[in-house]
Amino acid sequence: KIVAGVDYPSPFLWASTADDRTHPAHARKGAAR
């Protein structure tokens, strides 16, 4: 749902490298997008 042409409220995403439950990939990819 992160798409061009929309102003988002400068979110702060954080994660933990050793998190083997939800995994840091989710937050990483959100930031990269």
PDB file of all heavy atoms in Angstrom:
ATOM      1  N   LYS A   1       0.811  -1.219   0.000  1.00  0.00           N
ATOM      2  CA  LYS A   1       0.000   0.000   0.000  1.00  0.00           C
ATOM      3  C   LYS A   1       0.844   1.269   0.000  1.00  0.00           C
ATOM      4  O   LYS A   1       0.294   2.368  -0.067  1.00  0.00           O
ATOM      5  CB  LYS A   1      -0.946   0.002   1.204  1.00  0.00           C
ATOM      6  CG  LYS A   1      -2.033  -1.068   1.142  1.00  0.00           C
ATOM      7  CD  LYS A   1      -2.942  -0.880  -0.055  1.00  0.00           C
ATOM      8  CE  LYS A   1      -4.011  -1.944  -0.115  1.00  0.00           C
ATOM      9  NZ  LYS A   1      -4.881  -1.792  -1.302  1.00  0.00           N
ATOM     10  N   ILE A   2       2.155   1.136   0.128  1.00  0.00           N
ATOM     11  CA  ILE A   2       3.025   2.311   0.004  1.00  0.00           C
ATOM     12  C   ILE A   2       3.217   2.589  -1.488  1.00  0.00           C
ATOM     13  O   ILE A   2       3.860   1.815  -2.195  1.00  0.00           O
ATOM     14  CB  ILE A   2       4.381   2.075   0.695  1.00  0.00           C
ATOM     15  CG1 ILE A   2       4.178   1.880   2.200  1.00  0.00           C
ATOM     16  CG2 ILE A   2       5.327   3.248   0.446  1.00  0.00           C
ATOM     17  CD1 ILE A   2       5.442   1.519   2.951  1.00  0.00           C
ATOM     18  N   VAL A   3       2.624   3.686  -1.948  1.00  0.00           N
ATOM     19  CA  VAL A   3       2.592   3.968  -3.381  1.00  0.00           C
ATOM     20  C   VAL A   3       3.025   5.412  -3.636  1.00  0.00           C
ATOM     21  O   VAL A   3       3.040   6.246  -2.732  1.00  0.00           O
ATOM     22  CB  VAL A   3       1.179   3.731  -3.963  1.00  0.00           C
ATOM     23  CG1 VAL A   3       0.805   2.259  -3.874  1.00  0.00           C
ATOM     24  CG2 VAL A   3       0.145   4.594  -3.248  1.00  0.00           C
ATOM     25  N   ALA A   4       3.359   5.680  -4.873  1.00  0.00           N
ATOM     26  CA  ALA A   4       3.769   7.036  -5.261  1.00  0.00           C
ATOM     27  C   ALA A   4       2.583   7.989  -5.185  1.00  0.00           C
ATOM     28  O   ALA A   4       1.426   7.596  -5.341  1.00  0.00           O
ATOM     29  CB  ALA A   4       4.346   7.014  -6.678  1.00  0.00           C
ATOM     30  N   GLY A   5       2.889   9.265  -4.933  1.00  0.00           N
ATOM     31  CA  GLY A   5       1.870  10.294  -4.959  1.00  0.00           C
ATOM     32  C   GLY A   5       1.119  10.493  -3.665  1.00  0.00           C
ATOM     33  O   GLY A   5       0.151  11.259  -3.620  1.00  0.00           O
ATOM     34  N   VAL A   6       1.520   9.795  -2.605  1.00  0.00           N
ATOM     35  CA  VAL A   6       0.869   9.927  -1.295  1.00  0.00           C
ATOM     36  C   VAL A   6       1.910  10.419  -0.293  1.00  0.00           C
ATOM     37  O   VAL A   6       3.039   9.929  -0.273  1.00  0.00           O
ATOM     38  CB  VAL A   6       0.271   8.587  -0.820  1.00  0.00           C
ATOM     39  CG1 VAL A   6      -0.366   8.750   0.567  1.00  0.00           C
ATOM     40  CG2 VAL A   6      -0.747   8.065  -1.824  1.00  0.00           C
ATOM     41  N   ASP A   7       1.534  11.370   0.543  1.00  0.00           N
ATOM     42  CA  ASP A   7       2.438  11.861   1.588  1.00  0.00           C
ATOM     43  C   ASP A   7       2.165  11.098   2.880  1.00  0.00           C
ATOM     44  O   ASP A   7       1.075  11.210   3.459  1.00  0.00           O
ATOM     45  CB  ASP A   7       2.225  13.361   1.817  1.00  0.00           C
ATOM     46  CG  ASP A   7       2.711  14.189   0.640  1.00  0.00           C
ATOM     47  OD1 ASP A   7       3.680  13.765  -0.025  1.00  0.00           O
ATOM     48  OD2 ASP A   7       2.115  15.250   0.385  1.00  0.00           O
ATOM     49  N   TYR A   8       3.147  10.330   3.309  1.00  0.00           N
ATOM     50  CA  TYR A   8       3.022   9.557   4.546  1.00  0.00           C
ATOM     51  C   TYR A   8       3.654  10.344   5.701  1.00  0.00           C
ATOM     52  O   TYR A   8       4.505  11.216   5.474  1.00  0.00           O
ATOM     53  CB  TYR A   8       3.683   8.192   4.384  1.00  0.00           C
ATOM     54  CG  TYR A   8       3.056   7.372   3.282  1.00  0.00           C
ATOM     55  CD1 TYR A   8       3.671   7.236   2.044  1.00  0.00           C
ATOM     56  CD2 TYR A   8       1.818   6.767   3.473  1.00  0.00           C
ATOM     57  CE1 TYR A   8       3.081   6.505   1.020  1.00  0.00           C
ATOM     58  CE2 TYR A   8       1.215   6.034   2.454  1.00  0.00           C
ATOM     59  CZ  TYR A   8       1.849   5.905   1.229  1.00  0.00           C
ATOM     60  OH  TYR A   8       1.250   5.188   0.227  1.00  0.00           O
ATOM     61  N   PRO A   9       3.278  10.039   6.949  1.00  0.00           N
ATOM     62  CA  PRO A   9       3.715  10.864   8.090  1.00  0.00           C
ATOM     63  C   PRO A   9       5.115  10.519   8.603  1.00  0.00           C
ATOM     64  O   PRO A   9       5.310  10.336   9.804  1.00  0.00           O
ATOM     65  CB  PRO A   9       2.643  10.574   9.140  1.00  0.00           C
ATOM     66  CG  PRO A   9       2.199   9.179   8.850  1.00  0.00           C
ATOM     67  CD  PRO A   9       2.258   9.044   7.353  1.00  0.00           C
ATOM     68  N   SER A  10       6.100  10.439   7.701  1.00  0.00           N
ATOM     69  CA  SER A  10       7.504  10.196   8.076  1.00  0.00           C
ATOM     70  C   SER A  10       7.638   9.099   9.125  1.00  0.00           C
ATOM     71  O   SER A  10       8.140   9.323  10.231  1.00  0.00           O
ATOM     72  CB  SER A  10       8.144  11.489   8.598  1.00  0.00           C
ATOM     73  OG  SER A  10       8.107  12.495   7.632  1.00  0.00           O
ATOM     74  N   PRO A  11       7.189   7.883   8.823  1.00  0.00           N
ATOM     75  CA  PRO A  11       7.185   6.841   9.850  1.00  0.00           C
ATOM     76  C   PRO A  11       8.590   6.463  10.312  1.00  0.00           C
ATOM     77  O   PRO A  11       9.568   6.598   9.574  1.00  0.00           O
ATOM     78  CB  PRO A  11       6.509   5.667   9.140  1.00  0.00           C
ATOM     79  CG  PRO A  11       6.718   5.918   7.684  1.00  0.00           C
ATOM     80  CD  PRO A  11       6.676   7.399   7.531  1.00  0.00           C
ATOM     81  N   PHE A  12       8.654   5.973  11.541  1.00  0.00           N
ATOM     82  CA  PHE A  12       9.884   5.451  12.140  1.00  0.00           C
ATOM     83  C   PHE A  12       9.689   3.950  12.300  1.00  0.00           C
ATOM     84  O   PHE A  12       8.898   3.500  13.122  1.00  0.00           O
ATOM     85  CB  PHE A  12      10.132   6.132  13.482  1.00  0.00           C
ATOM     86  CG  PHE A  12      11.363   5.647  14.228  1.00  0.00           C
ATOM     87  CD1 PHE A  12      12.359   4.906  13.615  1.00  0.00           C
ATOM     88  CD2 PHE A  12      11.528   5.956  15.570  1.00  0.00           C
ATOM     89  CE1 PHE A  12      13.487   4.469  14.300  1.00  0.00           C
ATOM     90  CE2 PHE A  12      12.647   5.530  16.287  1.00  0.00           C
ATOM     91  CZ  PHE A  12      13.621   4.785  15.640  1.00  0.00           C
ATOM     92  N   LEU A  13      10.404   3.168  11.491  1.00  0.00           N
ATOM     93  CA  LEU A  13      10.325   1.711  11.557  1.00  0.00           C
ATOM     94  C   LEU A  13      11.567   1.178  12.254  1.00  0.00           C
ATOM     95  O   LEU A  13      12.682   1.625  11.975  1.00  0.00           O
ATOM     96  CB  LEU A  13      10.224   1.097  10.158  1.00  0.00           C
ATOM     97  CG  LEU A  13       9.048   1.549   9.282  1.00  0.00           C
ATOM     98  CD1 LEU A  13       9.476   2.675   8.353  1.00  0.00           C
ATOM     99  CD2 LEU A  13       8.497   0.377   8.461  1.00  0.00           C
ATOM    100  N   TRP A  14      11.395   0.241  13.177  1.00  0.00           N
ATOM    101  CA  TRP A  14      12.568  -0.390  13.777  1.00  0.00           C
ATOM    102  C   TRP A  14      12.330  -1.877  14.002  1.00  0.00           C
ATOM    103  O   TRP A  14      11.191  -2.326  14.125  1.00  0.00           O
ATOM    104  CB  TRP A  14      13.029   0.318  15.040  1.00  0.00           C
ATOM    105  CG  TRP A  14      12.197   0.211  16.288  1.00  0.00           C
ATOM    106  CD1 TRP A  14      11.281   1.103  16.728  1.00  0.00           C
ATOM    107  CD2 TRP A  14      12.261  -0.824  17.277  1.00  0.00           C
ATOM    108  NE1 TRP A  14      10.757   0.699  17.928  1.00  0.00           N
ATOM    109  CE2 TRP A  14      11.346  -0.478  18.292  1.00  0.00           C
ATOM    110  CE3 TRP A  14      13.002  -1.997  17.408  1.00  0.00           C
ATOM    111  CZ2 TRP A  14      11.135  -1.279  19.419  1.00  0.00           C
ATOM    112  CZ3 TRP A  14      12.798  -2.794  18.529  1.00  0.00           C
ATOM    113  CH2 TRP A  14      11.881  -2.442  19.518  1.00  0.00           C
ATOM    114  N   ALA A  15      13.434  -2.602  14.035  1.00  0.00           N
ATOM    115  CA  ALA A  15      13.377  -4.057  14.139  1.00  0.00           C
ATOM    116  C   ALA A  15      14.618  -4.556  14.864  1.00  0.00           C
ATOM    117  O   ALA A  15      15.474  -3.768  15.280  1.00  0.00           O
ATOM    118  CB  ALA A  15      13.283  -4.678  12.745  1.00  0.00           C
ATOM    119  N   SER A  16      14.717  -5.871  15.029  1.00  0.00           N
ATOM    120  CA  SER A  16      15.872  -6.501  15.675  1.00  0.00           C
ATOM    121  C   SER A  16      16.434  -7.584  14.763  1.00  0.00           C
ATOM    122  O   SER A  16      15.682  -8.414  14.250  1.00  0.00           O
ATOM    123  CB  SER A  16      15.476  -7.128  17.019  1.00  0.00           C
ATOM    124  OG  SER A  16      15.073  -6.134  17.943  1.00  0.00           O
ATOM    125  N   THR A  17      17.739  -7.581  14.597  1.00  0.00           N
ATOM    126  CA  THR A  17      18.378  -8.549  13.704  1.00  0.00           C
ATOM    127  C   THR A  17      18.115  -9.983  14.154  1.00  0.00           C
ATOM    128  O   THR A  17      17.910 -10.877  13.334  1.00  0.00           O
ATOM    129  CB  THR A  17      19.897  -8.301  13.646  1.00  0.00           C
ATOM    130  OG1 THR A  17      20.139  -6.922  13.350  1.00  0.00           O
ATOM    131  CG2 THR A  17      20.552  -9.160  12.583  1.00  0.00           C
ATOM    132  N   ALA A  18      18.128 -10.223  15.461  1.00  0.00           N
ATOM    133  CA  ALA A  18      17.974 -11.579  15.996  1.00  0.00           C
ATOM    134  C   ALA A  18      16.522 -11.997  16.160  1.00  0.00           C
ATOM    135  O   ALA A  18      16.251 -13.062  16.704  1.00  0.00           O
ATOM    136  CB  ALA A  18      18.697 -11.695  17.337  1.00  0.00           C
ATOM    137  N   ASP A  19      15.599 -11.185  15.696  1.00  0.00           N
ATOM    138  CA  ASP A  19      14.178 -11.524  15.825  1.00  0.00           C
ATOM    139  C   ASP A  19      13.832 -12.625  14.829  1.00  0.00           C
ATOM    140  O   ASP A  19      13.653 -12.372  13.640  1.00  0.00           O
ATOM    141  CB  ASP A  19      13.332 -10.271  15.573  1.00  0.00           C
ATOM    142  CG  ASP A  19      11.838 -10.542  15.680  1.00  0.00           C
ATOM    143  OD1 ASP A  19      11.456 -11.675  16.041  1.00  0.00           O
ATOM    144  OD2 ASP A  19      11.054  -9.616  15.413  1.00  0.00           O
ATOM    145  N   ASP A  20      13.736 -13.863  15.322  1.00  0.00           N
ATOM    146  CA  ASP A  20      13.386 -14.968  14.440  1.00  0.00           C
ATOM    147  C   ASP A  20      11.894 -15.277  14.488  1.00  0.00           C
ATOM    148  O   ASP A  20      11.453 -16.313  14.017  1.00  0.00           O
ATOM    149  CB  ASP A  20      14.198 -16.222  14.772  1.00  0.00           C
ATOM    150  CG  ASP A  20      14.099 -16.633  16.239  1.00  0.00           C
ATOM    151  OD1 ASP A  20      13.549 -15.869  17.050  1.00  0.00           O
ATOM    152  OD2 ASP A  20      14.592 -17.738  16.582  1.00  0.00           O
ATOM    153  N   ARG A  21      11.120 -14.355  15.054  1.00  0.00           N
ATOM    154  CA  ARG A  21       9.661 -14.524  15.101  1.00  0.00           C
ATOM    155  C   ARG A  21       9.019 -13.744  13.954  1.00  0.00           C
ATOM    156  O   ARG A  21       8.659 -14.312  12.934  1.00  0.00           O
ATOM    157  CB  ARG A  21       9.119 -14.075  16.455  1.00  0.00           C
ATOM    158  CG  ARG A  21       7.698 -14.552  16.721  1.00  0.00           C
ATOM    159  CD  ARG A  21       7.181 -14.055  18.077  1.00  0.00           C
ATOM    160  NE  ARG A  21       8.129 -14.290  19.163  1.00  0.00           N
ATOM    161  CZ  ARG A  21       7.942 -13.871  20.417  1.00  0.00           C
ATOM    162  NH1 ARG A  21       6.851 -13.172  20.713  1.00  0.00           N
ATOM    163  NH2 ARG A  21       8.824 -14.126  21.358  1.00  0.00           N
ATOM    164  N   THR A  22       8.886 -12.425  14.090  1.00  0.00           N
ATOM    165  CA  THR A  22       8.360 -11.658  12.948  1.00  0.00           C
ATOM    166  C   THR A  22       9.440 -11.397  11.907  1.00  0.00           C
ATOM    167  O   THR A  22       9.123 -11.269  10.724  1.00  0.00           O
ATOM    168  CB  THR A  22       7.762 -10.310  13.394  1.00  0.00           C
ATOM    169  OG1 THR A  22       8.745  -9.545  14.081  1.00  0.00           O
ATOM    170  CG2 THR A  22       6.547 -10.514  14.280  1.00  0.00           C
ATOM    171  N   HIS A  23      10.716 -11.309  12.335  1.00  0.00           N
ATOM    172  CA  HIS A  23      11.859 -11.139  11.441  1.00  0.00           C
ATOM    173  C   HIS A  23      12.021  -9.667  11.034  1.00  0.00           C
ATOM    174  O   HIS A  23      11.038  -8.970  10.819  1.00  0.00           O
ATOM    175  CB  HIS A  23      11.703 -12.004  10.181  1.00  0.00           C
ATOM    176  CG  HIS A  23      12.975 -12.246   9.424  1.00  0.00           C
ATOM    177  ND1 HIS A  23      13.515 -11.320   8.558  1.00  0.00           N
ATOM    178  CD2 HIS A  23      13.813 -13.302   9.397  1.00  0.00           C
ATOM    179  CE1 HIS A  23      14.627 -11.807   8.026  1.00  0.00           C
ATOM    180  NE2 HIS A  23      14.836 -12.997   8.521  1.00  0.00           N
ATOM    181  N   PRO A  24      13.267  -9.182  10.935  1.00  0.00           N
ATOM    182  CA  PRO A  24      13.481  -7.781  10.573  1.00  0.00           C
ATOM    183  C   PRO A  24      13.133  -7.437   9.133  1.00  0.00           C
ATOM    184  O   PRO A  24      13.065  -6.253   8.772  1.00  0.00           O
ATOM    185  CB  PRO A  24      14.980  -7.583  10.834  1.00  0.00           C
ATOM    186  CG  PRO A  24      15.578  -8.948  10.699  1.00  0.00           C
ATOM    187  CD  PRO A  24      14.535  -9.876  11.254  1.00  0.00           C
ATOM    188  N   ALA A  25      12.913  -8.436   8.287  1.00  0.00           N
ATOM    189  CA  ALA A  25      12.658  -8.170   6.872  1.00  0.00           C
ATOM    190  C   ALA A  25      11.471  -7.239   6.660  1.00  0.00           C
ATOM    191  O   ALA A  25      11.482  -6.393   5.756  1.00  0.00           O
ATOM    192  CB  ALA A  25      12.421  -9.485   6.125  1.00  0.00           C
ATOM    193  N   HIS A  26      10.436  -7.381   7.471  1.00  0.00           N
ATOM    194  CA  HIS A  26       9.227  -6.579   7.270  1.00  0.00           C
ATOM    195  C   HIS A  26       9.523  -5.088   7.385  1.00  0.00           C
ATOM    196  O   HIS A  26       9.155  -4.295   6.511  1.00  0.00           O
ATOM    197  CB  HIS A  26       8.164  -6.989   8.286  1.00  0.00           C
ATOM    198  CG  HIS A  26       7.554  -8.324   8.024  1.00  0.00           C
ATOM    199  ND1 HIS A  26       6.571  -8.508   7.084  1.00  0.00           N
ATOM    200  CD2 HIS A  26       7.794  -9.547   8.579  1.00  0.00           C
ATOM    201  CE1 HIS A  26       6.217  -9.788   7.068  1.00  0.00           C
ATOM    202  NE2 HIS A  26       6.949 -10.440   7.965  1.00  0.00           N
ATOM    203  N   ALA A  27      10.174  -4.705   8.479  1.00  0.00           N
ATOM    204  CA  ALA A  27      10.483  -3.284   8.669  1.00  0.00           C
ATOM    205  C   ALA A  27      11.496  -2.800   7.637  1.00  0.00           C
ATOM    206  O   ALA A  27      11.386  -1.679   7.119  1.00  0.00           O
ATOM    207  CB  ALA A  27      11.014  -3.057  10.081  1.00  0.00           C
ATOM    208  N   ARG A  28      12.491  -3.630   7.347  1.00  0.00           N
ATOM    209  CA  ARG A  28      13.500  -3.253   6.357  1.00  0.00           C
ATOM    210  C   ARG A  28      12.848  -2.925   5.016  1.00  0.00           C
ATOM    211  O   ARG A  28      13.137  -1.910   4.377  1.00  0.00           O
ATOM    212  CB  ARG A  28      14.501  -4.397   6.163  1.00  0.00           C
ATOM    213  CG  ARG A  28      15.431  -4.673   7.320  1.00  0.00           C
ATOM    214  CD  ARG A  28      16.247  -5.922   7.016  1.00  0.00           C
ATOM    215  NE  ARG A  28      17.214  -6.252   8.056  1.00  0.00           N
ATOM    216  CZ  ARG A  28      18.015  -7.318   8.019  1.00  0.00           C
ATOM    217  NH1 ARG A  28      17.953  -8.140   6.981  1.00  0.00           N
ATOM    218  NH2 ARG A  28      18.863  -7.552   8.999  1.00  0.00           N
ATOM    219  N   LYS A  29      11.980  -3.820   4.565  1.00  0.00           N
ATOM    220  CA  LYS A  29      11.381  -3.648   3.249  1.00  0.00           C
ATOM    221  C   LYS A  29      10.453  -2.437   3.206  1.00  0.00           C
ATOM    222  O   LYS A  29      10.385  -1.734   2.191  1.00  0.00           O
ATOM    223  CB  LYS A  29      10.642  -4.925   2.848  1.00  0.00           C
ATOM    224  CG  LYS A  29      11.580  -6.095   2.570  1.00  0.00           C
ATOM    225  CD  LYS A  29      10.848  -7.419   2.430  1.00  0.00           C
ATOM    226  CE  LYS A  29       9.964  -7.448   1.219  1.00  0.00           C
ATOM    227  NZ  LYS A  29       9.314  -8.771   1.038  1.00  0.00           N
ATOM    228  N   GLY A  30       9.760  -2.189   4.327  1.00  0.00           N
ATOM    229  CA  GLY A  30       8.929  -0.993   4.378  1.00  0.00           C
ATOM    230  C   GLY A  30       9.756   0.265   4.226  1.00  0.00           C
ATOM    231  O   GLY A  30       9.391   1.188   3.472  1.00  0.00           O
ATOM    232  N   ALA A  31      10.898   0.319   4.920  1.00  0.00           N
ATOM    233  CA  ALA A  31      11.781   1.478   4.814  1.00  0.00           C
ATOM    234  C   ALA A  31      12.350   1.608   3.401  1.00  0.00           C
ATOM    235  O   ALA A  31      12.437   2.717   2.842  1.00  0.00           O
ATOM    236  CB  ALA A  31      12.905   1.365   5.836  1.00  0.00           C
ATOM    237  N   ALA A  32      12.741   0.483   2.816  1.00  0.00           N
ATOM    238  CA  ALA A  32      13.313   0.519   1.466  1.00  0.00           C
ATOM    239  C   ALA A  32      12.292   1.019   0.445  1.00  0.00           C
ATOM    240  O   ALA A  32      12.635   1.778  -0.480  1.00  0.00           O
ATOM    241  CB  ALA A  32      13.812  -0.875   1.080  1.00  0.00           C
ATOM    242  N   ARG A  33      11.034   0.612   0.608  1.00  0.00           N
ATOM    243  CA  ARG A  33       9.998   1.069  -0.321  1.00  0.00           C
ATOM    244  C   ARG A  33       9.771   2.576  -0.175  1.00  0.00           C
ATOM    245  O   ARG A  33       9.637   3.304  -1.170  1.00  0.00           O
ATOM    246  CB  ARG A  33       8.704   0.299  -0.056  1.00  0.00           C
ATOM    247  CG  ARG A  33       7.510   0.703  -0.915  1.00  0.00           C
ATOM    248  CD  ARG A  33       7.710   0.393  -2.404  1.00  0.00           C
ATOM    249  NE  ARG A  33       7.897  -1.004  -2.665  1.00  0.00           N
ATOM    250  CZ  ARG A  33       6.907  -1.894  -2.838  1.00  0.00           C
ATOM    251  NH1 ARG A  33       5.652  -1.506  -2.756  1.00  0.00           N
ATOM    252  NH2 ARG A  33       7.186  -3.156  -3.103  1.00  0.00           N
TER     253      ARG A  33
END
